[in-house]
Structures are given as C-alpha cells and as structure tokens.
C-alpha cells in the first residue's frame, strides 16, 4: 500500500497576513496564479477600517478571482513539467538513501490520489535492475495519475 501524507488545510487559501511594524504595513495579501497569470493585491487594515474588515474584503476578492478564473483539473496539473525535474519523467525520481551505513537505491513514483495526500511507490534497483525499476515506477505513476480524483 502506498504511504499517504496529509497537509492541514488553510482557513483562507490564497490569503496571508502581513505585519511589518517597522514599515507601518499591516493587512492581508491575496495571491492567485492561474494558467501562468499571477494576481496579487494587498488589503490594508487602515484603508478597510480594521483587521476584520480587511480580512473580509481580501477573502471576497480571492473568491471572486477563484470563480472568474477556473482551476486546472488535477490530472492536467499533475502532468505539467516542473523546473526541478531531473529525470525528464514527471513524478518519477531516482532515490539513493543511506540507512545506518547501508546504501539503498530505487526508483520512486509519486502522485496525489486526493487533494492534500501524497502517494509514493518505490522499486528497488537491486531487486529489479535499474531499467526495470524505472519502468515499473513510470507504470505506477501513470496508473496513480489515471486514478486521481479531480
């Protein structure tokens, strides 16, 4: 069975608090990126009549952007090439671990079956050989992505 990790959901995604007393800068910052276009706006406590009002306006602004610009389906997002990818295969990486002086090498596939969870499956290079372990990881990644919930 694949290992799953969960991440605690933020109360207001896309909205973060900024307090910089040195610069007299207090308020909420809203960020959203969709299809490569970034939206960002700052909501000052002073301009909006206090901390609570600034938060309400910031959350409403984010909700408006979120509704106007549709989210990319999770399966499509999972297949976008990232800069950090070193193998050229999305969600598949070669891992080497040193555990108590013993070195283990394997190919690992990762995907997100449902929002907030990460599944991983590893294939030993010692057991399968480098190429077969890599192919098994690629196959596991494809299967995992095909079963992802949107």
Foldseek 3Di string as FASTA:
>chain_A
DWDKAFDDDDPQPQKDWDDDPVVPFTAIKGWDDAPRDIDIDTQGQVVQVHHVRRVVVRSVVNVVVPVVGDHDPQLVVQPDDDPPDDPPQGQKDWDWDQDPNDIWIWIKGWDAQEPRMITMDIDGCVVQNDVRRRVVNSVVNVVSSVNHDD
